[in-house]
Amino acid sequence: MNFPRLKGPRSLLLAPAALVALAALVPGALAVSPTDLPEPEQGLNLLVVGLDTRKGVTAEEKERFRLGGQACDCTDVMMLVHVSAANDRVDVVSLPRDSLTTFPADHRDRRTGKVHAAHQAKINGAWAEGGSSFAVETVESMTGLPVHRYLEIDFRRFMDTVDRVDGGVAICTAEPLKDPSTGIDLQPGTKRVAGGEALQYVRSRKADGQMDFGRIHKQQKFVVNTLERLREGILDDPEQLMAFAATLRGTAAAESGISPDELLTLADRLRELPPDRMTFATVPVRGFNPNIEGVGSTLAWDAEGAAEVFGRLREDLPLPAAEEIAPSTIPVGTYRPAEGSSLICP
């Protein structure tokens, strides 16, 4: 199905985290029909993943944006988004792709049909082995939280979504940012980018010495700045809004997949939420594990710190402050929650 292009700013990136902007832009304009989006007593949890897959990416785009490497068909972005029961707070916790987990016995590998014994793996391999349902089950097992809804976005849809923003989305850096792997080359300051360069930015992890933690921070900043671009426009056409939500959602079947109607319902619930009521963090990590044969280098979560973070969300409470969680043995990986307003580019 071909949808009309929206008039004005129109991107949400890794979207449920940024969907808070939609309803705020158009108070009273959303004619939201009833949907099955739940309203749990302890808040709503959405798992948002970004897939490392090149399906639909052209040869020219692969060369221009350094996308020619081997796709892992795994979830290199994982964000758990918690919307409070009162719809007055959104907490986003990123789960590093190299987090060590154990997949349970007797699950079937969707690629080979093989039934596996229990084995250690990186969290980002759950989607590759078992698809969306297994990714959801893995996150639920590691966090102790139910995942009520799920959204996945691949390279193609990411670029197409960002390209719908007139004038692009702001990215910013205080120091020069040059990554030979992704091809991103930024001077200090702020600039607006379209889909291809945006993808280079959110994939970059070799330019600032902060490894995957730096990449996660860039992804979180990009979500907030996409939200700000939405705030600058007026989306007052319900038909166009639905077209946008449908484009963002895509058509892939997924376990607990959020629907376009539910995206608009969520936006309607959060119409008054400002950026300073959004908090972004990365799950507390203890440090690196010794290399594991067949798995490689992995991260160990700080069991006590992670339990505190997810325990707060389970009780529908704000995330703990930085000083409440022990520092990581990886300095750049130390838990540091940030208000959404602090991530907006100048």
C-alpha atoms as a PDB file:
ATOM      1  CA  MET A   1       0.000   0.000   0.000  1.00  0.00           C
ATOM      2  CA  ASN A   2       1.313   3.467  -0.889  1.00  0.00           C
ATOM      3  CA  PHE A   3       0.646   6.230   1.615  1.00  0.00           C
ATOM      4  CA  PRO A   4       0.765   9.963   0.866  1.00  0.00           C
ATOM      5  CA  ARG A   5       3.752  11.886   2.179  1.00  0.00           C
ATOM      6  CA  LEU A   6       3.108  14.008   5.215  1.00  0.00           C
ATOM      7  CA  LYS A   7       3.267  17.781   5.009  1.00  0.00           C
ATOM      8  CA  GLY A   8       5.792  19.010   7.556  1.00  0.00           C
ATOM      9  CA  PRO A   9       8.067  17.216  10.057  1.00  0.00           C
ATOM     10  CA  ARG A  10       7.205  13.543  10.252  1.00  0.00           C
ATOM     11  CA  SER A  11       9.645  11.077  11.787  1.00  0.00           C
ATOM     12  CA  LEU A  12       9.754   9.095  15.018  1.00  0.00           C
ATOM     13  CA  LEU A  13      12.832   6.909  14.573  1.00  0.00           C
ATOM     14  CA  LEU A  14      12.830   4.096  17.108  1.00  0.00           C
ATOM     15  CA  ALA A  15       9.390   5.307  17.624  1.00  0.00           C
ATOM     16  CA  PRO A  16       7.442   4.521  20.790  1.00  0.00           C
ATOM     17  CA  ALA A  17      10.005   6.531  22.763  1.00  0.00           C
ATOM     18  CA  ALA A  18       9.357   9.538  20.522  1.00  0.00           C
ATOM     19  CA  LEU A  19       5.640   9.005  19.978  1.00  0.00           C
ATOM     20  CA  VAL A  20       5.007  11.266  22.950  1.00  0.00           C
ATOM     21  CA  ALA A  21       5.216  14.185  20.526  1.00  0.00           C
ATOM     22  CA  LEU A  22       2.368  13.294  18.218  1.00  0.00           C
ATOM     23  CA  ALA A  23      -0.581  14.049  20.442  1.00  0.00           C
ATOM     24  CA  ALA A  24       1.086  17.107  21.952  1.00  0.00           C
ATOM     25  CA  LEU A  25       1.330  18.562  18.469  1.00  0.00           C
ATOM     26  CA  VAL A  26      -2.328  18.189  17.675  1.00  0.00           C
ATOM     27  CA  PRO A  27      -4.437  18.446  20.837  1.00  0.00           C
ATOM     28  CA  GLY A  28      -7.954  17.409  20.038  1.00  0.00           C
ATOM     29  CA  ALA A  29      -7.101  16.455  16.461  1.00  0.00           C
ATOM     30  CA  LEU A  30      -6.667  12.714  16.979  1.00  0.00           C
ATOM     31  CA  ALA A  31      -9.900  10.867  16.356  1.00  0.00           C
ATOM     32  CA  VAL A  32      -8.601   7.690  17.945  1.00  0.00           C
ATOM     33  CA  SER A  33     -10.778   4.658  17.490  1.00  0.00           C
ATOM     34  CA  PRO A  34     -10.893   1.962  20.188  1.00  0.00           C
ATOM     35  CA  THR A  35      -7.903  -0.380  20.142  1.00  0.00           C
ATOM     36  CA  ASP A  36      -6.589  -3.253  22.223  1.00  0.00           C
ATOM     37  CA  LEU A  37      -3.631  -1.294  23.597  1.00  0.00           C
ATOM     38  CA  PRO A  38      -3.551  -2.348  27.261  1.00  0.00           C
ATOM     39  CA  GLU A  39      -3.509  -0.054  30.276  1.00  0.00           C
ATOM     40  CA  PRO A  40      -1.704  -2.144  32.916  1.00  0.00           C
ATOM     41  CA  GLU A  41      -1.970  -1.026  36.523  1.00  0.00           C
ATOM     42  CA  GLN A  42       1.828  -0.866  36.775  1.00  0.00           C
ATOM     43  CA  GLY A  43       2.441   0.811  33.413  1.00  0.00           C
ATOM     44  CA  LEU A  44       2.910  -0.233  29.803  1.00  0.00           C
ATOM     45  CA  ASN A  45       6.159  -1.788  28.534  1.00  0.00           C
ATOM     46  CA  LEU A  46       7.205  -1.670  24.880  1.00  0.00           C
ATOM     47  CA  LEU A  47      10.261  -3.371  23.418  1.00  0.00           C
ATOM     48  CA  VAL A  48      11.739  -1.423  20.497  1.00  0.00           C
ATOM     49  CA  VAL A  49      14.445  -3.114  18.431  1.00  0.00           C
ATOM     50  CA  GLY A  50      16.587  -2.054  15.496  1.00  0.00           C
ATOM     51  CA  LEU A  51      17.487  -4.899  13.130  1.00  0.00           C
ATOM     52  CA  ASP A  52      20.872  -5.166  11.432  1.00  0.00           C
ATOM     53  CA  THR A  53      19.545  -6.280   8.068  1.00  0.00           C
ATOM     54  CA  ARG A  54      20.169  -4.828   4.614  1.00  0.00           C
ATOM     55  CA  LYS A  55      16.967  -6.056   2.999  1.00  0.00           C
ATOM     56  CA  GLY A  56      15.724  -3.424   0.543  1.00  0.00           C
ATOM     57  CA  VAL A  57      18.907  -1.321   0.726  1.00  0.00           C
ATOM     58  CA  THR A  58      20.296  -0.487  -2.722  1.00  0.00           C
ATOM     59  CA  ALA A  59      23.844  -1.141  -3.862  1.00  0.00           C
ATOM     60  CA  GLU A  60      24.440   2.619  -4.126  1.00  0.00           C
ATOM     61  CA  GLU A  61      23.235   3.157  -0.535  1.00  0.00           C
ATOM     62  CA  LYS A  62      25.425   0.318   0.727  1.00  0.00           C
ATOM     63  CA  GLU A  63      28.479   1.954  -0.788  1.00  0.00           C
ATOM     64  CA  ARG A  64      27.607   5.533   0.124  1.00  0.00           C
ATOM     65  CA  PHE A  65      26.673   4.834   3.747  1.00  0.00           C
ATOM     66  CA  ARG A  66      29.133   1.984   4.423  1.00  0.00           C
ATOM     67  CA  LEU A  67      26.458  -0.709   4.660  1.00  0.00           C
ATOM     68  CA  GLY A  68      28.243  -3.325   2.607  1.00  0.00           C
ATOM     69  CA  GLY A  69      29.343  -5.537   5.500  1.00  0.00           C
ATOM     70  CA  GLN A  70      27.751  -8.830   6.432  1.00  0.00           C
ATOM     71  CA  ALA A  71      24.381  -8.330   8.113  1.00  0.00           C
ATOM     72  CA  CYS A  72      24.074 -10.190  11.417  1.00  0.00           C
ATOM     73  CA  ASP A  73      20.267 -10.343  11.215  1.00  0.00           C
ATOM     74  CA  CYS A  74      20.251  -9.499  14.902  1.00  0.00           C
ATOM     75  CA  THR A  75      18.900  -6.729  17.131  1.00  0.00           C
ATOM     76  CA  ASP A  76      21.716  -4.207  17.472  1.00  0.00           C
ATOM     77  CA  VAL A  77      19.329  -1.738  19.117  1.00  0.00           C
ATOM     78  CA  MET A  78      17.160  -2.800  22.055  1.00  0.00           C
ATOM     79  CA  MET A  79      15.203  -0.237  24.053  1.00  0.00           C
ATOM     80  CA  LEU A  80      12.690  -1.110  26.742  1.00  0.00           C
ATOM     81  CA  VAL A  81      10.201   1.754  26.971  1.00  0.00           C
ATOM     82  CA  HIS A  82       8.085   2.055  30.122  1.00  0.00           C
ATOM     83  CA  VAL A  83       5.038   4.333  30.041  1.00  0.00           C
ATOM     84  CA  SER A  84       3.704   5.044  33.519  1.00  0.00           C
ATOM     85  CA  ALA A  85       0.145   4.033  34.350  1.00  0.00           C
ATOM     86  CA  ALA A  86      -0.724   7.705  34.807  1.00  0.00           C
ATOM     87  CA  ASN A  87       0.807   8.514  31.392  1.00  0.00           C
ATOM     88  CA  ASP A  88       2.906  11.226  33.038  1.00  0.00           C
ATOM     89  CA  ARG A  89       6.361   9.679  32.642  1.00  0.00           C
ATOM     90  CA  VAL A  90       8.320   7.651  30.083  1.00  0.00           C
ATOM     91  CA  ASP A  91      11.490   5.754  31.037  1.00  0.00           C
ATOM     92  CA  VAL A  92      13.691   4.266  28.315  1.00  0.00           C
ATOM     93  CA  VAL A  93      16.316   1.662  29.253  1.00  0.00           C
ATOM     94  CA  SER A  94      18.733   0.529  26.538  1.00  0.00           C
ATOM     95  CA  LEU A  95      20.008  -3.058  26.644  1.00  0.00           C
ATOM     96  CA  PRO A  96      23.534  -3.360  25.157  1.00  0.00           C
ATOM     97  CA  ARG A  97      23.692  -5.795  22.270  1.00  0.00           C
ATOM     98  CA  ASP A  98      26.609  -7.761  23.806  1.00  0.00           C
ATOM     99  CA  SER A  99      24.817  -8.457  27.092  1.00  0.00           C
ATOM    100  CA  LEU A 100      25.397 -12.075  28.113  1.00  0.00           C
ATOM    101  CA  THR A 101      22.346 -14.257  28.555  1.00  0.00           C
ATOM    102  CA  THR A 102      21.460 -17.946  28.522  1.00  0.00           C
ATOM    103  CA  PHE A 103      18.920 -19.224  26.029  1.00  0.00           C
ATOM    104  CA  PRO A 104      16.767 -22.013  27.500  1.00  0.00           C
ATOM    105  CA  ALA A 105      16.761 -25.612  26.315  1.00  0.00           C
ATOM    106  CA  ASP A 106      14.343 -26.959  23.722  1.00  0.00           C
ATOM    107  CA  HIS A 107      13.886 -23.807  21.668  1.00  0.00           C
ATOM    108  CA  ARG A 108      13.948 -24.295  17.909  1.00  0.00           C
ATOM    109  CA  ASP A 109      16.320 -22.280  15.737  1.00  0.00           C
ATOM    110  CA  ARG A 110      14.163 -20.709  13.047  1.00  0.00           C
ATOM    111  CA  ARG A 111      17.117 -20.613  10.632  1.00  0.00           C
ATOM    112  CA  THR A 112      18.059 -24.285  10.770  1.00  0.00           C
ATOM    113  CA  GLY A 113      15.157 -26.028  12.443  1.00  0.00           C
ATOM    114  CA  LYS A 114      17.567 -27.408  15.039  1.00  0.00           C
ATOM    115  CA  VAL A 115      16.319 -27.783  18.612  1.00  0.00           C
ATOM    116  CA  HIS A 116      18.956 -26.312  20.912  1.00  0.00           C
ATOM    117  CA  ALA A 117      20.165 -27.296  24.325  1.00  0.00           C
ATOM    118  CA  ALA A 118      20.494 -24.441  26.809  1.00  0.00           C
ATOM    119  CA  HIS A 119      23.438 -22.284  25.796  1.00  0.00           C
ATOM    120  CA  GLN A 120      25.045 -18.930  26.487  1.00  0.00           C
ATOM    121  CA  ALA A 121      24.624 -16.180  23.907  1.00  0.00           C
ATOM    122  CA  LYS A 122      24.509 -12.441  23.376  1.00  0.00           C
ATOM    123  CA  ILE A 123      21.102 -10.886  23.876  1.00  0.00           C
ATOM    124  CA  ASN A 124      21.064  -9.579  20.308  1.00  0.00           C
ATOM    125  CA  GLY A 125      21.096 -13.160  18.987  1.00  0.00           C
ATOM    126  CA  ALA A 126      17.616 -13.957  20.315  1.00  0.00           C
ATOM    127  CA  TRP A 127      15.879 -12.468  17.267  1.00  0.00           C
ATOM    128  CA  ALA A 128      18.220 -14.305  14.890  1.00  0.00           C
ATOM    129  CA  GLU A 129      17.539 -17.663  16.553  1.00  0.00           C
ATOM    130  CA  GLY A 130      13.851 -17.353  17.331  1.00  0.00           C
ATOM    131  CA  GLY A 131      12.404 -14.194  15.803  1.00  0.00           C
ATOM    132  CA  SER A 132      10.365 -11.541  17.573  1.00  0.00           C
ATOM    133  CA  SER A 133       8.687 -13.926  20.004  1.00  0.00           C
ATOM    134  CA  PHE A 134      12.021 -15.254  21.263  1.00  0.00           C
ATOM    135  CA  ALA A 135      13.434 -11.725  21.547  1.00  0.00           C
ATOM    136  CA  VAL A 136      10.442 -10.756  23.684  1.00  0.00           C
ATOM    137  CA  GLU A 137      10.775 -13.885  25.850  1.00  0.00           C
ATOM    138  CA  THR A 138      14.490 -13.243  26.365  1.00  0.00           C
ATOM    139  CA  VAL A 139      13.970  -9.641  27.474  1.00  0.00           C
ATOM    140  CA  GLU A 140      11.139 -10.664  29.785  1.00  0.00           C
ATOM    141  CA  SER A 141      13.354 -13.330  31.338  1.00  0.00           C
ATOM    142  CA  MET A 142      16.305 -10.974  31.855  1.00  0.00           C
ATOM    143  CA  THR A 143      14.331  -8.020  33.191  1.00  0.00           C
ATOM    144  CA  GLY A 144      11.454  -9.710  35.005  1.00  0.00           C
ATOM    145  CA  LEU A 145       9.083  -7.314  33.245  1.00  0.00           C
ATOM    146  CA  PRO A 146       6.222  -8.212  30.912  1.00  0.00           C
ATOM    147  CA  VAL A 147       6.543  -6.861  27.376  1.00  0.00           C
ATOM    148  CA  HIS A 148       3.083  -5.678  26.342  1.00  0.00           C
ATOM    149  CA  ARG A 149       3.944  -4.412  22.861  1.00  0.00           C
ATOM    150  CA  TYR A 150       6.830  -4.732  20.388  1.00  0.00           C
ATOM    151  CA  LEU A 151       8.162  -2.729  17.432  1.00  0.00           C
ATOM    152  CA  GLU A 152      11.065  -3.569  15.119  1.00  0.00           C
ATOM    153  CA  ILE A 153      12.711  -1.285  12.541  1.00  0.00           C
ATOM    154  CA  ASP A 154      15.329  -2.347   9.988  1.00  0.00           C
ATOM    155  CA  PHE A 155      17.853  -0.227   8.045  1.00  0.00           C
ATOM    156  CA  ARG A 156      15.474   0.375   5.134  1.00  0.00           C
ATOM    157  CA  ARG A 157      12.575   1.585   7.243  1.00  0.00           C
ATOM    158  CA  PHE A 158      14.859   3.663   9.449  1.00  0.00           C
ATOM    159  CA  MET A 159      16.209   5.604   6.468  1.00  0.00           C
ATOM    160  CA  ASP A 160      12.785   5.986   4.884  1.00  0.00           C
ATOM    161  CA  THR A 161      11.286   7.267   8.130  1.00  0.00           C
ATOM    162  CA  VAL A 162      14.009   9.858   8.709  1.00  0.00           C
ATOM    163  CA  ASP A 163      13.768  10.952   5.068  1.00  0.00           C
ATOM    164  CA  ARG A 164      10.172  11.967   5.764  1.00  0.00           C
ATOM    165  CA  VAL A 165      11.391  14.806   7.996  1.00  0.00           C
ATOM    166  CA  ASP A 166      11.530  18.034   6.015  1.00  0.00           C
ATOM    167  CA  GLY A 167      14.985  19.500   6.562  1.00  0.00           C
ATOM    168  CA  GLY A 168      16.283  16.479   8.460  1.00  0.00           C
ATOM    169  CA  VAL A 169      16.874  15.698  12.146  1.00  0.00           C
ATOM    170  CA  ALA A 170      19.497  17.444  14.277  1.00  0.00           C
ATOM    171  CA  ILE A 171      22.622  15.623  15.405  1.00  0.00           C
ATOM    172  CA  CYS A 172      25.384  17.284  17.417  1.00  0.00           C
ATOM    173  CA  THR A 173      28.840  16.629  18.812  1.00  0.00           C
ATOM    174  CA  ALA A 174      31.165  18.612  21.062  1.00  0.00           C
ATOM    175  CA  GLU A 175      34.282  16.966  19.577  1.00  0.00           C
ATOM    176  CA  PRO A 176      35.124  15.871  16.025  1.00  0.00           C
ATOM    177  CA  LEU A 177      33.415  12.562  15.268  1.00  0.00           C
ATOM    178  CA  LYS A 178      34.977  10.406  12.569  1.00  0.00           C
ATOM    179  CA  ASP A 179      34.261   6.688  12.316  1.00  0.00           C
ATOM    180  CA  PRO A 180      36.006   4.716   9.545  1.00  0.00           C
ATOM    181  CA  SER A 181      33.519   1.865   9.867  1.00  0.00           C
ATOM    182  CA  THR A 182      30.340   3.840   9.271  1.00  0.00           C
ATOM    183  CA  GLY A 183      31.926   6.718   7.331  1.00  0.00           C
ATOM    184  CA  ILE A 184      30.482   9.404   9.602  1.00  0.00           C
ATOM    185  CA  ASP A 185      32.695  12.526   9.678  1.00  0.00           C
ATOM    186  CA  LEU A 186      31.381  15.381  11.830  1.00  0.00           C
ATOM    187  CA  GLN A 187      32.936  18.596  13.037  1.00  0.00           C
ATOM    188  CA  PRO A 188      31.912  20.063  16.425  1.00  0.00           C
ATOM    189  CA  GLY A 189      28.479  21.638  16.337  1.00  0.00           C
ATOM    190  CA  THR A 190      24.980  20.786  15.151  1.00  0.00           C
ATOM    191  CA  LYS A 191      23.718  19.789  11.725  1.00  0.00           C
ATOM    192  CA  ARG A 192      20.564  18.236  10.322  1.00  0.00           C
ATOM    193  CA  VAL A 193      20.778  14.932   8.511  1.00  0.00           C
ATOM    194  CA  ALA A 194      18.604  12.747   6.299  1.00  0.00           C
ATOM    195  CA  GLY A 195      18.130   9.003   6.580  1.00  0.00           C
ATOM    196  CA  GLY A 196      21.450   7.660   5.300  1.00  0.00           C
ATOM    197  CA  GLU A 197      23.674   9.939   7.371  1.00  0.00           C
ATOM    198  CA  ALA A 198      21.368   9.463  10.352  1.00  0.00           C
ATOM    199  CA  LEU A 199      21.950   5.711  10.081  1.00  0.00           C
ATOM    200  CA  GLN A 200      25.710   6.265   9.975  1.00  0.00           C
ATOM    201  CA  TYR A 201      25.406   8.366  13.149  1.00  0.00           C
ATOM    202  CA  VAL A 202      23.318   5.945  15.214  1.00  0.00           C
ATOM    203  CA  ARG A 203      25.531   3.011  14.151  1.00  0.00           C
ATOM    204  CA  SER A 204      28.826   4.731  15.030  1.00  0.00           C
ATOM    205  CA  ARG A 205      30.792   3.215  17.920  1.00  0.00           C
ATOM    206  CA  LYS A 206      34.478   3.605  16.960  1.00  0.00           C
ATOM    207  CA  ALA A 207      34.884   7.384  16.873  1.00  0.00           C
ATOM    208  CA  ASP A 208      34.717   8.487  20.503  1.00  0.00           C
ATOM    209  CA  GLY A 209      36.321   5.701  22.530  1.00  0.00           C
ATOM    210  CA  GLN A 210      33.024   4.868  24.228  1.00  0.00           C
ATOM    211  CA  MET A 211      32.322   1.637  22.347  1.00  0.00           C
ATOM    212  CA  ASP A 212      28.710   0.503  22.286  1.00  0.00           C
ATOM    213  CA  PHE A 213      27.871   2.791  25.203  1.00  0.00           C
ATOM    214  CA  GLY A 214      28.621   5.807  23.018  1.00  0.00           C
ATOM    215  CA  ARG A 215      26.494   4.395  20.241  1.00  0.00           C
ATOM    216  CA  ILE A 216      23.601   3.872  22.656  1.00  0.00           C
ATOM    217  CA  HIS A 217      23.915   7.497  23.795  1.00  0.00           C
ATOM    218  CA  LYS A 218      23.775   8.667  20.164  1.00  0.00           C
ATOM    219  CA  GLN A 219      20.656   6.584  19.570  1.00  0.00           C
ATOM    220  CA  GLN A 220      18.953   8.085  22.610  1.00  0.00           C
ATOM    221  CA  LYS A 221      19.898  11.617  21.542  1.00  0.00           C
ATOM    222  CA  PHE A 222      18.549  10.956  18.078  1.00  0.00           C
ATOM    223  CA  VAL A 223      15.184   9.835  19.475  1.00  0.00           C
ATOM    224  CA  VAL A 224      14.833  13.040  21.493  1.00  0.00           C
ATOM    225  CA  ASN A 225      15.886  15.310  18.636  1.00  0.00           C
ATOM    226  CA  THR A 226      13.468  13.592  16.278  1.00  0.00           C
ATOM    227  CA  LEU A 227      10.760  14.317  18.812  1.00  0.00           C
ATOM    228  CA  GLU A 228      11.787  17.973  18.812  1.00  0.00           C
ATOM    229  CA  ARG A 229      11.484  18.147  15.026  1.00  0.00           C
ATOM    230  CA  LEU A 230       7.928  16.877  15.372  1.00  0.00           C
ATOM    231  CA  ARG A 231       7.168  19.599  17.881  1.00  0.00           C
ATOM    232  CA  GLU A 232       8.132  22.208  15.310  1.00  0.00           C
ATOM    233  CA  GLY A 233       5.368  21.172  12.900  1.00  0.00           C
ATOM    234  CA  ILE A 234       1.577  20.889  12.989  1.00  0.00           C
ATOM    235  CA  LEU A 235       0.189  17.493  12.040  1.00  0.00           C
ATOM    236  CA  ASP A 236      -3.530  18.164  11.886  1.00  0.00           C
ATOM    237  CA  ASP A 237      -4.704  15.612   9.352  1.00  0.00           C
ATOM    238  CA  PRO A 238      -5.910  12.357  11.000  1.00  0.00           C
ATOM    239  CA  GLU A 239      -5.640  10.493   7.709  1.00  0.00           C
ATOM    240  CA  GLN A 240      -2.042  11.563   7.302  1.00  0.00           C
ATOM    241  CA  LEU A 241      -1.290  10.674  10.892  1.00  0.00           C
ATOM    242  CA  MET A 242      -2.635   7.181  10.356  1.00  0.00           C
ATOM    243  CA  ALA A 243      -0.589   6.859   7.160  1.00  0.00           C
ATOM    244  CA  PHE A 244       2.487   7.857   9.115  1.00  0.00           C
ATOM    245  CA  ALA A 245       1.810   5.347  11.864  1.00  0.00           C
ATOM    246  CA  ALA A 246       1.222   2.599   9.318  1.00  0.00           C
ATOM    247  CA  THR A 247       4.483   3.397   7.530  1.00  0.00           C
ATOM    248  CA  LEU A 248       6.376   3.382  10.791  1.00  0.00           C
ATOM    249  CA  ARG A 249       4.851   0.094  11.896  1.00  0.00           C
ATOM    250  CA  GLY A 250       5.374  -1.696   8.593  1.00  0.00           C
ATOM    251  CA  THR A 251       3.691  -4.981   7.745  1.00  0.00           C
ATOM    252  CA  ALA A 252       5.923  -7.634   9.323  1.00  0.00           C
ATOM    253  CA  ALA A 253       4.178 -10.036  11.674  1.00  0.00           C
ATOM    254  CA  ALA A 254       5.583  -9.884  15.194  1.00  0.00           C
ATOM    255  CA  GLU A 255       4.806 -11.224  18.638  1.00  0.00           C
ATOM    256  CA  SER A 256       2.772  -8.546  20.472  1.00  0.00           C
ATOM    257  CA  GLY A 257       3.426  -6.179  17.573  1.00  0.00           C
ATOM    258  CA  ILE A 258       1.979  -2.715  18.113  1.00  0.00           C
ATOM    259  CA  SER A 259      -0.538  -1.632  15.465  1.00  0.00           C
ATOM    260  CA  PRO A 260      -0.885   1.772  13.794  1.00  0.00           C
ATOM    261  CA  ASP A 261      -4.138   2.371  15.687  1.00  0.00           C
ATOM    262  CA  GLU A 262      -2.364   1.572  18.941  1.00  0.00           C
ATOM    263  CA  LEU A 263       0.470   3.972  18.112  1.00  0.00           C
ATOM    264  CA  LEU A 264      -2.066   6.760  17.771  1.00  0.00           C
ATOM    265  CA  THR A 265      -3.835   5.668  20.950  1.00  0.00           C
ATOM    266  CA  LEU A 266      -0.528   5.867  22.797  1.00  0.00           C
ATOM    267  CA  ALA A 267       0.141   9.307  21.351  1.00  0.00           C
ATOM    268  CA  ASP A 268      -3.276  10.457  22.516  1.00  0.00           C
ATOM    269  CA  ARG A 269      -2.577   9.237  26.051  1.00  0.00           C
ATOM    270  CA  LEU A 270       0.721  11.143  26.134  1.00  0.00           C
ATOM    271  CA  ARG A 271      -0.387  14.373  24.506  1.00  0.00           C
ATOM    272  CA  GLU A 272       0.795  16.596  27.387  1.00  0.00           C
ATOM    273  CA  LEU A 273       4.138  14.925  28.117  1.00  0.00           C
ATOM    274  CA  PRO A 274       7.199  17.252  27.754  1.00  0.00           C
ATOM    275  CA  PRO A 275      10.798  16.065  27.133  1.00  0.00           C
ATOM    276  CA  ASP A 276      11.801  16.591  30.763  1.00  0.00           C
ATOM    277  CA  ARG A 277       9.336  13.847  31.733  1.00  0.00           C
ATOM    278  CA  MET A 278      11.308  11.328  29.678  1.00  0.00           C
ATOM    279  CA  THR A 279      14.377   9.636  31.174  1.00  0.00           C
ATOM    280  CA  PHE A 280      16.975   7.671  29.195  1.00  0.00           C
ATOM    281  CA  ALA A 281      19.428   5.192  30.700  1.00  0.00           C
ATOM    282  CA  THR A 282      21.447   2.067  29.934  1.00  0.00           C
ATOM    283  CA  VAL A 283      21.014  -0.998  32.120  1.00  0.00           C
ATOM    284  CA  PRO A 284      23.733  -1.084  34.824  1.00  0.00           C
ATOM    285  CA  VAL A 285      26.656  -3.296  33.819  1.00  0.00           C
ATOM    286  CA  ARG A 286      29.360  -4.778  36.029  1.00  0.00           C
ATOM    287  CA  GLY A 287      32.013  -5.180  33.328  1.00  0.00           C
ATOM    288  CA  PHE A 288      33.297  -7.486  30.610  1.00  0.00           C
ATOM    289  CA  ASN A 289      33.104 -11.254  30.913  1.00  0.00           C
ATOM    290  CA  PRO A 290      36.034 -13.472  29.906  1.00  0.00           C
ATOM    291  CA  ASN A 291      35.723 -14.487  26.254  1.00  0.00           C
ATOM    292  CA  ILE A 292      33.352 -17.402  25.754  1.00  0.00           C
ATOM    293  CA  GLU A 293      34.021 -19.888  22.979  1.00  0.00           C
ATOM    294  CA  GLY A 294      31.394 -19.572  20.267  1.00  0.00           C
ATOM    295  CA  VAL A 295      30.019 -16.376  21.817  1.00  0.00           C
ATOM    296  CA  GLY A 296      32.942 -13.941  22.022  1.00  0.00           C
ATOM    297  CA  SER A 297      33.275 -10.830  24.161  1.00  0.00           C
ATOM    298  CA  THR A 298      30.220 -10.096  26.288  1.00  0.00           C
ATOM    299  CA  LEU A 299      28.980  -7.734  28.984  1.00  0.00           C
ATOM    300  CA  ALA A 300      27.847  -8.797  32.443  1.00  0.00           C
ATOM    301  CA  TRP A 301      24.985  -6.846  33.934  1.00  0.00           C
ATOM    302  CA  ASP A 302      25.331  -5.543  37.478  1.00  0.00           C
ATOM    303  CA  ALA A 303      22.817  -7.954  39.000  1.00  0.00           C
ATOM    304  CA  GLU A 304      22.001  -5.725  41.961  1.00  0.00           C
ATOM    305  CA  GLY A 305      21.828  -2.522  39.925  1.00  0.00           C
ATOM    306  CA  ALA A 306      19.743  -4.077  37.142  1.00  0.00           C
ATOM    307  CA  ALA A 307      17.380  -5.548  39.730  1.00  0.00           C
ATOM    308  CA  GLU A 308      16.933  -2.058  41.210  1.00  0.00           C
ATOM    309  CA  VAL A 309      16.245  -0.482  37.799  1.00  0.00           C
ATOM    310  CA  PHE A 310      13.728  -3.082  36.677  1.00  0.00           C
ATOM    311  CA  GLY A 311      12.237  -3.342  40.160  1.00  0.00           C
ATOM    312  CA  ARG A 312      11.425   0.379  40.021  1.00  0.00           C
ATOM    313  CA  LEU A 313       9.748  -0.053  36.642  1.00  0.00           C
ATOM    314  CA  ARG A 314       7.865  -3.094  37.882  1.00  0.00           C
ATOM    315  CA  GLU A 315       6.412  -0.897  40.631  1.00  0.00           C
ATOM    316  CA  ASP A 316       5.798   1.941  38.148  1.00  0.00           C
ATOM    317  CA  LEU A 317       8.301   4.204  39.912  1.00  0.00           C
ATOM    318  CA  PRO A 318      10.916   6.561  38.383  1.00  0.00           C
ATOM    319  CA  LEU A 319      14.330   5.145  37.582  1.00  0.00           C
ATOM    320  CA  PRO A 320      16.926   5.295  40.388  1.00  0.00           C
ATOM    321  CA  ALA A 321      19.374   8.214  40.385  1.00  0.00           C
ATOM    322  CA  ALA A 322      22.959   7.635  39.262  1.00  0.00           C
ATOM    323  CA  GLU A 323      24.341   7.681  42.808  1.00  0.00           C
ATOM    324  CA  GLU A 324      22.018   4.849  43.828  1.00  0.00           C
ATOM    325  CA  ILE A 325      23.787   2.386  41.516  1.00  0.00           C
ATOM    326  CA  ALA A 326      27.383   1.198  41.956  1.00  0.00           C
ATOM    327  CA  PRO A 327      29.853   2.352  39.271  1.00  0.00           C
ATOM    328  CA  SER A 328      30.809  -0.058  36.504  1.00  0.00           C
ATOM    329  CA  THR A 329      34.329  -1.404  36.069  1.00  0.00           C
ATOM    330  CA  ILE A 330      33.966   0.095  32.567  1.00  0.00           C
ATOM    331  CA  PRO A 331      33.933   3.872  33.268  1.00  0.00           C
ATOM    332  CA  VAL A 332      31.991   4.781  30.118  1.00  0.00           C
ATOM    333  CA  GLY A 333      29.466   2.087  31.016  1.00  0.00           C
ATOM    334  CA  THR A 334      28.551   3.523  34.415  1.00  0.00           C
ATOM    335  CA  TYR A 335      24.801   4.020  34.872  1.00  0.00           C
ATOM    336  CA  ARG A 336      23.905   7.679  34.210  1.00  0.00           C
ATOM    337  CA  PRO A 337      20.194   8.382  33.593  1.00  0.00           C
ATOM    338  CA  ALA A 338      19.497  11.562  31.615  1.00  0.00           C
ATOM    339  CA  GLU A 339      16.390  13.686  31.159  1.00  0.00           C
ATOM    340  CA  GLY A 340      15.212  13.915  27.578  1.00  0.00           C
ATOM    341  CA  SER A 341      15.534  17.692  27.664  1.00  0.00           C
ATOM    342  CA  SER A 342      19.284  17.391  28.354  1.00  0.00           C
ATOM    343  CA  LEU A 343      19.803  15.442  25.098  1.00  0.00           C
ATOM    344  CA  ILE A 344      18.363  18.085  22.763  1.00  0.00           C
ATOM    345  CA  CYS A 345      20.934  19.529  20.357  1.00  0.00           C
ATOM    346  CA  PRO A 346      21.533  23.297  20.716  1.00  0.00           C
END
